[in-house]
């Protein structure tokens, strides 16, 4: 296997933390998104969608979605399970991963990609040039303000996001909280449960 990634970006960071926690080592090549290397012919030949991370399997096929890559690696490396140990736990982890990706990470990404000059005509990741829509910055802010208190309330009753143990849902939330700094946002002062959780998860993951 070979992994193509860009460590500073949020989606690659999700995968990187997953692999680090489980002690997974894979041959890796960095593709510099800020230099546009993902759009070059060399990388397009590997992944025509021009997205990172991309995992090339031993048979030459590729996996391009973080949750798919993690599901595959969890099967190969079951120690320190991060996707749940029972059917119910697995369902909770995947459900929270989806909620966090749609409600939090995509809200932040909308604020960043639809405002920053660095993402002009790159409002969505991938091979297609997509124009910015400034109104989506305000929508992202609205969604961010809506979900953070809900997460705080959930963590007031739960030590971890999806059960009694830290899972990939916690990794996703940790990365999303860090991603907020890219749009000059932070966890509100009155979200004490979320702040306490963040201390716990950073102690676990570093």
N, C-alpha and C. Protein backbone atom coordinates (compact mmCIF):
# COMPACT_ATOMS: atom_id res chain seq x y z
N UNK A 1 0.84 -1.20 0.00
CA UNK A 1 0.00 0.00 0.00
C UNK A 1 0.87 1.25 0.00
N UNK A 2 0.29 2.31 -0.54
CA UNK A 2 0.95 3.61 -0.49
C UNK A 2 -0.09 4.69 -0.26
N UNK A 3 0.22 5.61 0.65
CA UNK A 3 -0.69 6.68 1.00
C UNK A 3 -0.18 8.01 0.45
N UNK A 4 -1.06 8.70 -0.23
CA UNK A 4 -0.79 10.06 -0.69
C UNK A 4 -1.61 10.99 0.19
N UNK A 5 -0.96 12.01 0.76
CA UNK A 5 -1.64 12.83 1.75
C UNK A 5 -0.99 14.19 1.84
N UNK A 6 -1.56 15.05 2.68
CA UNK A 6 -0.99 16.36 2.97
C UNK A 6 -1.28 16.64 4.43
N UNK A 7 -0.32 16.39 5.29
CA UNK A 7 -0.53 16.33 6.73
C UNK A 7 -1.27 17.53 7.34
N UNK A 8 -1.02 18.78 6.90
CA UNK A 8 -1.68 19.90 7.58
C UNK A 8 -3.19 19.99 7.35
N UNK A 9 -3.70 19.39 6.29
CA UNK A 9 -5.12 19.53 5.95
C UNK A 9 -6.00 18.67 6.86
N UNK A 10 -7.24 19.10 7.10
CA UNK A 10 -8.10 18.40 8.06
C UNK A 10 -8.39 16.93 7.73
N UNK A 11 -8.79 16.62 6.49
CA UNK A 11 -9.09 15.23 6.17
C UNK A 11 -7.88 14.32 6.31
N UNK A 12 -6.71 14.69 5.78
CA UNK A 12 -5.53 13.89 6.05
C UNK A 12 -5.20 13.76 7.54
N UNK A 13 -5.46 14.83 8.30
CA UNK A 13 -5.18 14.77 9.74
C UNK A 13 -6.07 13.75 10.44
N UNK A 14 -7.32 13.65 10.03
CA UNK A 14 -8.22 12.64 10.59
C UNK A 14 -7.61 11.25 10.43
N UNK A 15 -7.15 10.95 9.23
CA UNK A 15 -6.56 9.64 8.95
C UNK A 15 -5.24 9.46 9.69
N UNK A 16 -4.45 10.51 9.74
CA UNK A 16 -3.14 10.42 10.39
C UNK A 16 -3.28 10.09 11.88
N UNK A 17 -4.24 10.74 12.55
CA UNK A 17 -4.45 10.46 13.97
C UNK A 17 -4.96 9.04 14.17
N UNK A 18 -5.83 8.58 13.29
CA UNK A 18 -6.33 7.21 13.34
C UNK A 18 -5.15 6.23 13.24
N UNK A 19 -4.27 6.43 12.28
CA UNK A 19 -3.13 5.54 12.07
C UNK A 19 -2.15 5.61 13.23
N UNK A 20 -1.88 6.80 13.72
CA UNK A 20 -0.94 6.95 14.83
C UNK A 20 -1.43 6.21 16.06
N UNK A 21 -2.71 6.36 16.38
CA UNK A 21 -3.26 5.72 17.58
C UNK A 21 -3.16 4.21 17.48
N UNK A 22 -3.36 3.68 16.29
CA UNK A 22 -3.33 2.23 16.11
C UNK A 22 -1.93 1.70 15.77
N UNK A 23 -0.97 2.60 15.61
CA UNK A 23 0.40 2.17 15.31
C UNK A 23 0.57 1.65 13.89
N UNK A 24 -0.20 2.18 12.94
CA UNK A 24 -0.14 1.74 11.55
C UNK A 24 0.90 2.57 10.80
N UNK A 25 1.80 1.89 10.10
CA UNK A 25 2.80 2.58 9.30
C UNK A 25 2.64 2.15 7.84
N UNK A 26 2.48 3.12 6.96
CA UNK A 26 2.30 2.88 5.52
C UNK A 26 3.23 3.83 4.77
N UNK A 27 3.82 3.35 3.69
CA UNK A 27 4.63 4.22 2.84
C UNK A 27 3.78 5.43 2.44
N UNK A 28 4.33 6.63 2.62
CA UNK A 28 3.55 7.84 2.45
C UNK A 28 4.29 8.86 1.59
N UNK A 29 3.53 9.54 0.75
CA UNK A 29 4.07 10.65 -0.05
C UNK A 29 3.20 11.87 0.16
N UNK A 30 3.84 12.98 0.49
CA UNK A 30 3.12 14.23 0.68
C UNK A 30 2.83 14.89 -0.68
N UNK A 31 1.60 15.35 -0.84
CA UNK A 31 1.18 16.09 -2.03
C UNK A 31 0.78 17.48 -1.55
N UNK A 32 1.51 18.50 -1.95
CA UNK A 32 1.33 19.84 -1.42
C UNK A 32 0.10 20.51 -2.04
N UNK A 33 -0.98 20.56 -1.27
CA UNK A 33 -2.23 21.17 -1.75
C UNK A 33 -2.04 22.65 -2.01
N UNK A 34 -1.30 23.33 -1.14
CA UNK A 34 -1.15 24.77 -1.28
C UNK A 34 -0.38 25.14 -2.54
N UNK A 35 0.43 24.21 -3.03
CA UNK A 35 1.15 24.43 -4.29
C UNK A 35 0.37 23.87 -5.48
N UNK A 36 -0.81 23.29 -5.22
CA UNK A 36 -1.64 22.75 -6.29
C UNK A 36 -1.16 21.44 -6.87
N UNK A 37 -0.31 20.71 -6.13
CA UNK A 37 0.23 19.46 -6.67
C UNK A 37 -0.85 18.41 -6.91
N UNK A 38 -1.96 18.49 -6.17
CA UNK A 38 -3.04 17.50 -6.35
C UNK A 38 -3.71 17.65 -7.70
N UNK A 39 -3.51 18.78 -8.36
CA UNK A 39 -4.14 19.03 -9.66
C UNK A 39 -3.21 18.73 -10.83
N UNK A 40 -1.97 18.35 -10.52
CA UNK A 40 -0.99 18.06 -11.57
C UNK A 40 -1.24 16.72 -12.25
N UNK A 41 -0.67 16.56 -13.42
CA UNK A 41 -0.89 15.34 -14.20
C UNK A 41 -0.42 14.09 -13.46
N UNK A 42 0.68 14.19 -12.73
CA UNK A 42 1.22 13.01 -12.04
C UNK A 42 0.22 12.46 -11.03
N UNK A 43 -0.38 13.35 -10.23
CA UNK A 43 -1.33 12.86 -9.23
C UNK A 43 -2.68 12.53 -9.85
N UNK A 44 -3.08 13.24 -10.90
CA UNK A 44 -4.34 12.91 -11.58
C UNK A 44 -4.30 11.48 -12.13
N UNK A 45 -3.11 11.02 -12.50
CA UNK A 45 -2.99 9.66 -13.01
C UNK A 45 -3.24 8.63 -11.91
N UNK A 46 -3.03 9.04 -10.66
CA UNK A 46 -3.28 8.16 -9.52
C UNK A 46 -4.72 8.27 -9.06
N UNK A 47 -5.18 9.50 -8.89
CA UNK A 47 -6.55 9.77 -8.45
C UNK A 47 -7.13 10.90 -9.31
N UNK A 48 -7.92 10.58 -10.31
CA UNK A 48 -8.49 11.60 -11.20
C UNK A 48 -9.36 12.62 -10.48
N UNK A 49 -9.85 12.28 -9.28
CA UNK A 49 -10.67 13.23 -8.53
C UNK A 49 -9.83 14.29 -7.82
N UNK A 50 -8.51 14.08 -7.77
CA UNK A 50 -7.58 15.08 -7.23
C UNK A 50 -7.83 15.38 -5.75
N UNK A 51 -8.22 14.39 -4.97
CA UNK A 51 -8.50 14.60 -3.55
C UNK A 51 -7.50 13.83 -2.69
N UNK A 52 -7.32 14.34 -1.47
CA UNK A 52 -6.44 13.71 -0.49
C UNK A 52 -7.21 13.53 0.81
N UNK A 53 -6.88 12.46 1.54
CA UNK A 53 -5.87 11.44 1.25
C UNK A 53 -6.36 10.44 0.20
N UNK A 54 -5.39 9.75 -0.41
CA UNK A 54 -5.68 8.67 -1.35
C UNK A 54 -4.80 7.48 -0.95
N UNK A 55 -5.44 6.33 -0.75
CA UNK A 55 -4.70 5.12 -0.41
C UNK A 55 -4.73 4.18 -1.61
N UNK A 56 -3.54 3.85 -2.12
CA UNK A 56 -3.42 2.89 -3.22
C UNK A 56 -3.18 1.51 -2.61
N UNK A 57 -4.10 0.58 -2.88
CA UNK A 57 -3.98 -0.77 -2.33
C UNK A 57 -2.99 -1.59 -3.15
N UNK A 58 -2.64 -2.76 -2.63
CA UNK A 58 -1.63 -3.59 -3.29
C UNK A 58 -2.07 -4.06 -4.67
N UNK A 59 -3.38 -4.11 -4.91
CA UNK A 59 -3.85 -4.54 -6.22
C UNK A 59 -3.98 -3.37 -7.21
N UNK A 60 -3.57 -2.18 -6.76
CA UNK A 60 -3.61 -1.00 -7.63
C UNK A 60 -4.88 -0.19 -7.54
N UNK A 61 -5.91 -0.70 -6.88
CA UNK A 61 -7.15 0.06 -6.70
C UNK A 61 -6.93 1.13 -5.64
N UNK A 62 -7.83 2.12 -5.60
CA UNK A 62 -7.65 3.23 -4.66
C UNK A 62 -8.87 3.42 -3.77
N UNK A 63 -8.60 3.93 -2.57
CA UNK A 63 -9.63 4.39 -1.65
C UNK A 63 -9.39 5.88 -1.43
N UNK A 64 -10.47 6.68 -1.52
CA UNK A 64 -10.29 8.12 -1.49
C UNK A 64 -11.09 8.83 -0.41
N UNK A 65 -11.95 8.12 0.31
CA UNK A 65 -12.73 8.75 1.38
C UNK A 65 -12.17 8.30 2.72
N UNK A 66 -12.01 9.24 3.63
CA UNK A 66 -11.36 8.94 4.91
C UNK A 66 -12.09 7.82 5.65
N UNK A 67 -13.41 7.88 5.71
CA UNK A 67 -14.14 6.86 6.47
C UNK A 67 -13.96 5.49 5.82
N UNK A 68 -13.88 5.44 4.49
CA UNK A 68 -13.64 4.17 3.80
C UNK A 68 -12.25 3.63 4.08
N UNK A 69 -11.26 4.51 4.05
CA UNK A 69 -9.88 4.10 4.34
C UNK A 69 -9.78 3.57 5.76
N UNK A 70 -10.40 4.28 6.70
CA UNK A 70 -10.33 3.85 8.10
C UNK A 70 -11.05 2.52 8.31
N UNK A 71 -12.17 2.31 7.64
CA UNK A 71 -12.88 1.04 7.74
C UNK A 71 -12.02 -0.10 7.23
N UNK A 72 -11.34 0.14 6.13
CA UNK A 72 -10.45 -0.88 5.57
C UNK A 72 -9.30 -1.19 6.53
N UNK A 73 -8.66 -0.14 7.05
CA UNK A 73 -7.51 -0.34 7.93
C UNK A 73 -7.93 -0.95 9.27
N UNK A 74 -9.14 -0.64 9.73
CA UNK A 74 -9.62 -1.23 10.98
C UNK A 74 -9.72 -2.75 10.86
N UNK A 75 -10.12 -3.22 9.69
CA UNK A 75 -10.20 -4.66 9.46
C UNK A 75 -8.81 -5.29 9.45
N UNK A 76 -7.84 -4.60 8.88
CA UNK A 76 -6.48 -5.13 8.81
C UNK A 76 -5.76 -5.03 10.14
N UNK A 77 -6.07 -3.99 10.91
CA UNK A 77 -5.38 -3.73 12.18
C UNK A 77 -6.44 -3.54 13.28
N UNK A 78 -7.00 -4.64 13.77
CA UNK A 78 -8.12 -4.54 14.72
C UNK A 78 -7.73 -4.09 16.13
N UNK A 79 -6.44 -4.13 16.47
CA UNK A 79 -6.04 -3.69 17.81
C UNK A 79 -6.37 -2.22 18.01
N UNK A 80 -6.72 -1.86 19.24
CA UNK A 80 -7.15 -0.50 19.58
C UNK A 80 -8.30 -0.07 18.66
N UNK A 81 -9.41 -0.78 18.71
CA UNK A 81 -10.52 -0.47 17.79
C UNK A 81 -11.02 0.96 17.96
N UNK A 82 -11.25 1.62 16.83
CA UNK A 82 -11.72 3.00 16.84
C UNK A 82 -13.07 3.16 16.15
N UNK A 83 -13.59 2.09 15.57
CA UNK A 83 -14.87 2.17 14.87
C UNK A 83 -15.96 1.37 15.58
N UNK A 84 -15.75 1.04 16.86
CA UNK A 84 -16.75 0.32 17.63
C UNK A 84 -16.49 -1.17 17.66
N UNK A 85 -16.90 -1.79 18.77
CA UNK A 85 -16.66 -3.22 18.95
C UNK A 85 -17.91 -4.06 18.78
N UNK A 86 -19.09 -3.46 18.90
CA UNK A 86 -20.35 -4.17 18.74
C UNK A 86 -21.14 -3.51 17.61
N UNK A 87 -22.16 -4.19 17.08
CA UNK A 87 -22.96 -3.56 16.03
C UNK A 87 -23.52 -2.20 16.43
N UNK A 88 -24.00 -2.09 17.68
CA UNK A 88 -24.56 -0.81 18.12
C UNK A 88 -23.48 0.27 18.21
N UNK A 89 -22.31 -0.09 18.74
CA UNK A 89 -21.22 0.88 18.84
C UNK A 89 -20.76 1.33 17.46
N UNK A 90 -20.66 0.39 16.54
CA UNK A 90 -20.25 0.74 15.18
C UNK A 90 -21.24 1.70 14.54
N UNK A 91 -22.52 1.45 14.77
CA UNK A 91 -23.55 2.32 14.21
C UNK A 91 -23.46 3.72 14.82
N UNK A 92 -23.20 3.79 16.12
CA UNK A 92 -23.09 5.10 16.76
C UNK A 92 -21.88 5.87 16.24
N UNK A 93 -20.76 5.19 16.08
CA UNK A 93 -19.56 5.87 15.59
C UNK A 93 -19.79 6.43 14.19
N UNK A 94 -20.31 5.60 13.30
CA UNK A 94 -20.55 6.04 11.92
C UNK A 94 -21.58 7.17 11.90
N UNK A 95 -22.61 7.08 12.72
CA UNK A 95 -23.62 8.12 12.77
C UNK A 95 -23.02 9.45 13.21
N UNK A 96 -22.20 9.42 14.26
CA UNK A 96 -21.56 10.65 14.72
C UNK A 96 -20.56 11.17 13.69
N UNK A 97 -19.82 10.27 13.05
CA UNK A 97 -18.89 10.71 12.01
C UNK A 97 -19.64 11.49 10.93
N UNK A 98 -20.80 10.98 10.53
CA UNK A 98 -21.58 11.65 9.49
C UNK A 98 -22.09 13.01 9.98
N UNK A 99 -22.63 13.03 11.19
CA UNK A 99 -23.14 14.29 11.74
C UNK A 99 -22.04 15.34 11.85
N UNK A 100 -20.88 14.92 12.31
CA UNK A 100 -19.78 15.86 12.49
C UNK A 100 -19.24 16.35 11.16
N UNK A 101 -19.18 15.46 10.17
CA UNK A 101 -18.65 15.86 8.88
C UNK A 101 -19.60 16.86 8.21
N UNK A 102 -20.89 16.55 8.22
CA UNK A 102 -21.87 17.41 7.55
C UNK A 102 -22.13 18.68 8.34
N UNK A 103 -22.31 18.55 9.65
CA UNK A 103 -22.74 19.69 10.45
C UNK A 103 -21.63 20.59 10.93
N UNK A 104 -20.42 20.07 11.04
CA UNK A 104 -19.32 20.85 11.61
C UNK A 104 -18.20 21.07 10.61
N UNK A 105 -17.60 19.99 10.13
CA UNK A 105 -16.45 20.16 9.25
C UNK A 105 -16.81 20.86 7.95
N UNK A 106 -17.95 20.49 7.35
CA UNK A 106 -18.35 21.13 6.11
C UNK A 106 -18.77 22.58 6.32
N UNK A 107 -19.28 22.90 7.51
CA UNK A 107 -19.62 24.29 7.82
C UNK A 107 -18.35 25.14 7.84
N UNK A 108 -17.32 24.63 8.48
CA UNK A 108 -16.04 25.35 8.55
C UNK A 108 -15.43 25.47 7.15
N UNK A 109 -15.47 24.36 6.41
CA UNK A 109 -14.90 24.36 5.06
C UNK A 109 -15.63 25.36 4.17
N UNK A 110 -16.94 25.48 4.32
CA UNK A 110 -17.70 26.45 3.53
C UNK A 110 -17.26 27.87 3.85
N UNK A 111 -17.03 28.16 5.11
CA UNK A 111 -16.57 29.48 5.50
C UNK A 111 -15.20 29.79 4.92
N UNK A 112 -14.33 28.79 4.93
CA UNK A 112 -12.97 28.99 4.42
C UNK A 112 -12.94 29.09 2.91
N UNK A 113 -13.54 28.12 2.24
CA UNK A 113 -13.39 28.01 0.79
C UNK A 113 -14.21 29.06 0.02
N UNK A 114 -15.24 29.60 0.65
CA UNK A 114 -16.05 30.58 -0.06
C UNK A 114 -15.66 32.02 0.26
N UNK A 115 -14.59 32.20 1.02
CA UNK A 115 -14.13 33.54 1.36
C UNK A 115 -12.68 33.78 1.01
N UNK A 116 -11.82 32.81 1.30
CA UNK A 116 -10.38 33.00 1.14
C UNK A 116 -10.00 33.15 -0.33
N UNK A 117 -9.15 34.13 -0.61
CA UNK A 117 -8.65 34.34 -1.96
C UNK A 117 -7.86 33.12 -2.45
N UNK A 118 -7.26 32.39 -1.51
CA UNK A 118 -6.48 31.21 -1.88
C UNK A 118 -7.34 30.12 -2.51
N UNK A 119 -8.67 30.19 -2.28
CA UNK A 119 -9.58 29.17 -2.82
C UNK A 119 -10.49 29.73 -3.91
N UNK A 120 -10.07 30.81 -4.55
CA UNK A 120 -10.86 31.34 -5.66
C UNK A 120 -11.03 30.25 -6.72
N UNK A 121 -12.28 30.02 -7.12
CA UNK A 121 -12.64 28.97 -8.08
C UNK A 121 -12.31 27.56 -7.56
N UNK A 122 -12.06 27.44 -6.26
CA UNK A 122 -11.78 26.14 -5.65
C UNK A 122 -12.67 25.98 -4.42
N UNK A 123 -13.94 26.34 -4.57
CA UNK A 123 -14.85 26.34 -3.42
C UNK A 123 -15.17 24.94 -2.91
N UNK A 124 -14.91 23.93 -3.73
CA UNK A 124 -15.04 22.54 -3.30
C UNK A 124 -13.77 21.80 -3.69
N UNK A 125 -13.36 20.80 -2.89
CA UNK A 125 -12.20 20.01 -3.29
C UNK A 125 -12.53 19.15 -4.49
N UNK A 126 -11.51 18.75 -5.23
CA UNK A 126 -11.72 17.88 -6.37
C UNK A 126 -11.22 18.47 -7.66
N UNK A 127 -11.48 17.77 -8.75
CA UNK A 127 -10.94 18.18 -10.04
C UNK A 127 -11.71 19.32 -10.68
N UNK A 128 -12.97 19.52 -10.28
CA UNK A 128 -13.82 20.53 -10.90
C UNK A 128 -13.57 21.90 -10.28
N UNK A 129 -13.37 22.92 -11.12
CA UNK A 129 -13.28 24.29 -10.64
C UNK A 129 -14.68 24.79 -10.29
N UNK A 130 -14.86 25.20 -9.04
CA UNK A 130 -16.18 25.61 -8.54
C UNK A 130 -16.08 27.03 -8.00
N UNK A 131 -16.92 27.95 -8.48
CA UNK A 131 -16.84 29.34 -8.02
C UNK A 131 -17.28 29.48 -6.57
N UNK A 132 -16.75 30.50 -5.91
CA UNK A 132 -17.13 30.79 -4.54
C UNK A 132 -18.54 31.40 -4.49
N UNK A 133 -19.24 31.11 -3.39
CA UNK A 133 -20.55 31.70 -3.13
C UNK A 133 -20.45 32.38 -1.76
N UNK A 134 -20.26 33.69 -1.73
CA UNK A 134 -20.02 34.38 -0.46
C UNK A 134 -21.10 34.14 0.59
N UNK A 135 -22.36 33.95 0.17
CA UNK A 135 -23.45 33.73 1.13
C UNK A 135 -23.23 32.47 1.96
N UNK A 136 -22.47 31.53 1.44
CA UNK A 136 -22.23 30.29 2.18
C UNK A 136 -21.34 30.50 3.39
N UNK A 137 -20.62 31.62 3.42
CA UNK A 137 -19.83 31.94 4.61
C UNK A 137 -20.77 32.18 5.79
N UNK A 138 -21.81 32.96 5.57
CA UNK A 138 -22.78 33.23 6.64
C UNK A 138 -23.53 31.96 7.03
N UNK A 139 -23.85 31.13 6.05
CA UNK A 139 -24.55 29.89 6.37
C UNK A 139 -23.67 28.97 7.22
N UNK A 140 -22.39 28.90 6.87
CA UNK A 140 -21.47 28.10 7.66
C UNK A 140 -21.38 28.59 9.08
N UNK A 141 -21.34 29.90 9.27
CA UNK A 141 -21.30 30.48 10.61
C UNK A 141 -22.56 30.12 11.40
N UNK A 142 -23.71 30.20 10.73
CA UNK A 142 -24.97 29.85 11.38
C UNK A 142 -24.99 28.40 11.83
N UNK A 143 -24.53 27.50 10.96
CA UNK A 143 -24.51 26.08 11.30
C UNK A 143 -23.53 25.80 12.43
N UNK A 144 -22.40 26.51 12.43
CA UNK A 144 -21.41 26.35 13.49
C UNK A 144 -22.00 26.77 14.83
N UNK A 145 -22.69 27.88 14.86
CA UNK A 145 -23.30 28.36 16.09
C UNK A 145 -24.39 27.42 16.59
N UNK A 146 -25.01 26.69 15.68
CA UNK A 146 -26.08 25.76 16.06
C UNK A 146 -25.54 24.47 16.65
N UNK A 147 -24.48 23.93 16.04
CA UNK A 147 -24.04 22.59 16.44
C UNK A 147 -23.18 22.58 17.70
N UNK A 148 -22.42 23.62 17.96
CA UNK A 148 -21.50 23.58 19.09
C UNK A 148 -22.22 23.43 20.44
N UNK A 149 -23.29 24.17 20.71
CA UNK A 149 -24.01 23.94 21.97
C UNK A 149 -24.62 22.54 22.07
N UNK A 150 -25.04 21.99 20.96
CA UNK A 150 -25.58 20.63 20.97
C UNK A 150 -24.50 19.61 21.32
N UNK A 151 -23.32 19.79 20.78
CA UNK A 151 -22.20 18.91 21.12
C UNK A 151 -21.83 19.07 22.60
N UNK A 152 -21.86 20.30 23.07
CA UNK A 152 -21.55 20.55 24.48
C UNK A 152 -22.55 19.83 25.38
N UNK A 153 -23.83 19.88 25.04
CA UNK A 153 -24.86 19.20 25.84
C UNK A 153 -24.65 17.69 25.81
N UNK A 154 -24.32 17.15 24.65
CA UNK A 154 -24.07 15.72 24.54
C UNK A 154 -22.91 15.30 25.42
N UNK A 155 -21.84 16.10 25.42
CA UNK A 155 -20.65 15.76 26.20
C UNK A 155 -20.83 16.06 27.68
N UNK A 156 -21.90 16.74 28.02
CA UNK A 156 -22.23 16.90 29.43
C UNK A 156 -22.77 15.62 30.03
N UNK A 157 -23.23 14.71 29.18
CA UNK A 157 -23.79 13.43 29.63
C UNK A 157 -22.95 12.24 29.22
N UNK A 158 -21.89 12.46 28.44
CA UNK A 158 -21.08 11.37 27.92
C UNK A 158 -19.59 11.76 27.97
N UNK A 159 -18.77 10.81 28.40
CA UNK A 159 -17.33 11.07 28.45
C UNK A 159 -16.75 11.16 27.06
N UNK A 160 -17.21 10.29 26.17
CA UNK A 160 -16.74 10.26 24.79
C UNK A 160 -17.93 10.39 23.85
N UNK A 161 -17.67 10.66 22.60
CA UNK A 161 -18.72 10.98 21.66
C UNK A 161 -19.69 9.83 21.40
N UNK A 162 -19.17 8.60 21.27
CA UNK A 162 -20.01 7.51 20.76
C UNK A 162 -20.08 6.31 21.70
N UNK A 163 -19.75 6.50 22.97
CA UNK A 163 -19.81 5.37 23.88
C UNK A 163 -18.86 5.54 25.05
N UNK A 164 -18.47 4.42 25.62
CA UNK A 164 -17.64 4.45 26.82
C UNK A 164 -16.16 4.62 26.50
N UNK A 165 -15.79 4.50 25.23
CA UNK A 165 -14.38 4.58 24.85
C UNK A 165 -14.18 5.63 23.76
N UNK A 166 -12.96 6.13 23.67
CA UNK A 166 -12.62 7.04 22.59
C UNK A 166 -12.70 6.30 21.26
N UNK A 167 -13.29 6.96 20.26
CA UNK A 167 -13.44 6.35 18.94
C UNK A 167 -13.05 7.36 17.86
N UNK A 168 -13.26 6.94 16.63
CA UNK A 168 -12.97 7.81 15.51
C UNK A 168 -13.86 9.05 15.52
N UNK A 169 -15.03 8.96 16.14
CA UNK A 169 -15.89 10.14 16.27
C UNK A 169 -15.19 11.22 17.08
N UNK A 170 -14.44 10.82 18.10
CA UNK A 170 -13.68 11.79 18.89
C UNK A 170 -12.55 12.40 18.07
N UNK A 171 -11.91 11.58 17.25
CA UNK A 171 -10.87 12.10 16.37
C UNK A 171 -11.47 13.14 15.42
N UNK A 172 -12.62 12.83 14.86
CA UNK A 172 -13.26 13.76 13.93
C UNK A 172 -13.61 15.08 14.60
N UNK A 173 -14.12 15.01 15.82
CA UNK A 173 -14.46 16.24 16.52
C UNK A 173 -13.20 17.01 16.89
N UNK A 174 -12.16 16.32 17.33
CA UNK A 174 -10.91 16.99 17.67
C UNK A 174 -10.34 17.74 16.47
N UNK A 175 -10.32 17.09 15.32
CA UNK A 175 -9.79 17.73 14.11
C UNK A 175 -10.66 18.92 13.72
N UNK A 176 -11.97 18.78 13.84
CA UNK A 176 -12.88 19.87 13.49
C UNK A 176 -12.68 21.08 14.39
N UNK A 177 -12.49 20.84 15.69
CA UNK A 177 -12.25 21.95 16.61
C UNK A 177 -10.97 22.68 16.23
N UNK A 178 -9.94 21.92 15.87
CA UNK A 178 -8.71 22.56 15.42
C UNK A 178 -8.89 23.31 14.11
N UNK A 179 -9.73 22.77 13.24
CA UNK A 179 -10.00 23.38 11.94
C UNK A 179 -10.69 24.74 12.10
N UNK A 180 -11.42 24.92 13.18
CA UNK A 180 -12.11 26.18 13.41
C UNK A 180 -11.15 27.36 13.44
N UNK A 181 -9.93 27.13 13.87
CA UNK A 181 -8.96 28.23 13.92
C UNK A 181 -8.64 28.77 12.53
N UNK A 182 -8.83 27.93 11.50
CA UNK A 182 -8.56 28.38 10.12
C UNK A 182 -9.52 29.48 9.70
N UNK A 183 -10.69 29.56 10.35
CA UNK A 183 -11.66 30.62 10.03
C UNK A 183 -11.85 31.54 11.24
N UNK A 184 -10.84 31.56 12.11
CA UNK A 184 -10.80 32.46 13.27
C UNK A 184 -12.00 32.28 14.19
N UNK A 185 -12.35 31.00 14.41
CA UNK A 185 -13.43 30.65 15.33
C UNK A 185 -12.86 29.78 16.45
N UNK A 186 -13.56 29.73 17.56
CA UNK A 186 -13.14 28.90 18.69
C UNK A 186 -14.36 28.42 19.45
N UNK A 187 -14.14 27.47 20.34
CA UNK A 187 -15.23 26.95 21.16
C UNK A 187 -15.71 28.05 22.10
N UNK A 188 -17.01 28.35 22.14
CA UNK A 188 -17.53 29.40 23.04
C UNK A 188 -17.19 29.12 24.49
N UNK A 189 -17.01 30.18 25.26
CA UNK A 189 -16.64 30.04 26.67
C UNK A 189 -17.68 29.26 27.46
N UNK A 190 -18.95 29.35 27.07
CA UNK A 190 -19.98 28.67 27.85
C UNK A 190 -20.13 27.19 27.49
N UNK A 191 -19.31 26.70 26.56
CA UNK A 191 -19.32 25.27 26.22
C UNK A 191 -18.25 24.55 27.04
N UNK A 192 -18.45 24.52 28.36
CA UNK A 192 -17.45 23.97 29.27
C UNK A 192 -17.25 22.47 29.07
N UNK A 193 -18.34 21.76 28.78
CA UNK A 193 -18.22 20.31 28.58
C UNK A 193 -17.36 19.99 27.36
N UNK A 194 -17.54 20.76 26.30
CA UNK A 194 -16.75 20.57 25.09
C UNK A 194 -15.28 20.90 25.35
N UNK A 195 -15.03 21.92 26.12
CA UNK A 195 -13.65 22.27 26.46
C UNK A 195 -12.99 21.17 27.31
N UNK A 196 -13.74 20.64 28.28
CA UNK A 196 -13.21 19.55 29.11
C UNK A 196 -12.92 18.32 28.26
N UNK A 197 -13.84 18.00 27.37
CA UNK A 197 -13.63 16.86 26.47
C UNK A 197 -12.37 17.07 25.62
N UNK A 198 -12.17 18.28 25.13
CA UNK A 198 -11.02 18.55 24.28
C UNK A 198 -9.72 18.29 25.03
N UNK A 199 -9.67 18.62 26.30
CA UNK A 199 -8.49 18.31 27.11
C UNK A 199 -8.29 16.81 27.22
N UNK A 200 -9.39 16.06 27.42
CA UNK A 200 -9.27 14.61 27.52
C UNK A 200 -8.76 14.00 26.23
N UNK A 201 -9.32 14.40 25.11
CA UNK A 201 -8.96 13.77 23.84
C UNK A 201 -7.54 14.14 23.41
N UNK A 202 -7.12 15.37 23.67
CA UNK A 202 -5.76 15.74 23.32
C UNK A 202 -4.74 15.01 24.20
N UNK A 203 -5.12 14.70 25.43
CA UNK A 203 -4.24 13.89 26.29
C UNK A 203 -4.08 12.49 25.70
N UNK A 204 -5.18 11.95 25.16
CA UNK A 204 -5.15 10.61 24.57
C UNK A 204 -4.38 10.58 23.25
N UNK A 205 -4.58 11.61 22.43
CA UNK A 205 -4.05 11.57 21.07
C UNK A 205 -2.83 12.47 20.86
N UNK A 206 -2.65 13.46 21.71
CA UNK A 206 -1.51 14.36 21.58
C UNK A 206 -1.75 15.43 20.53
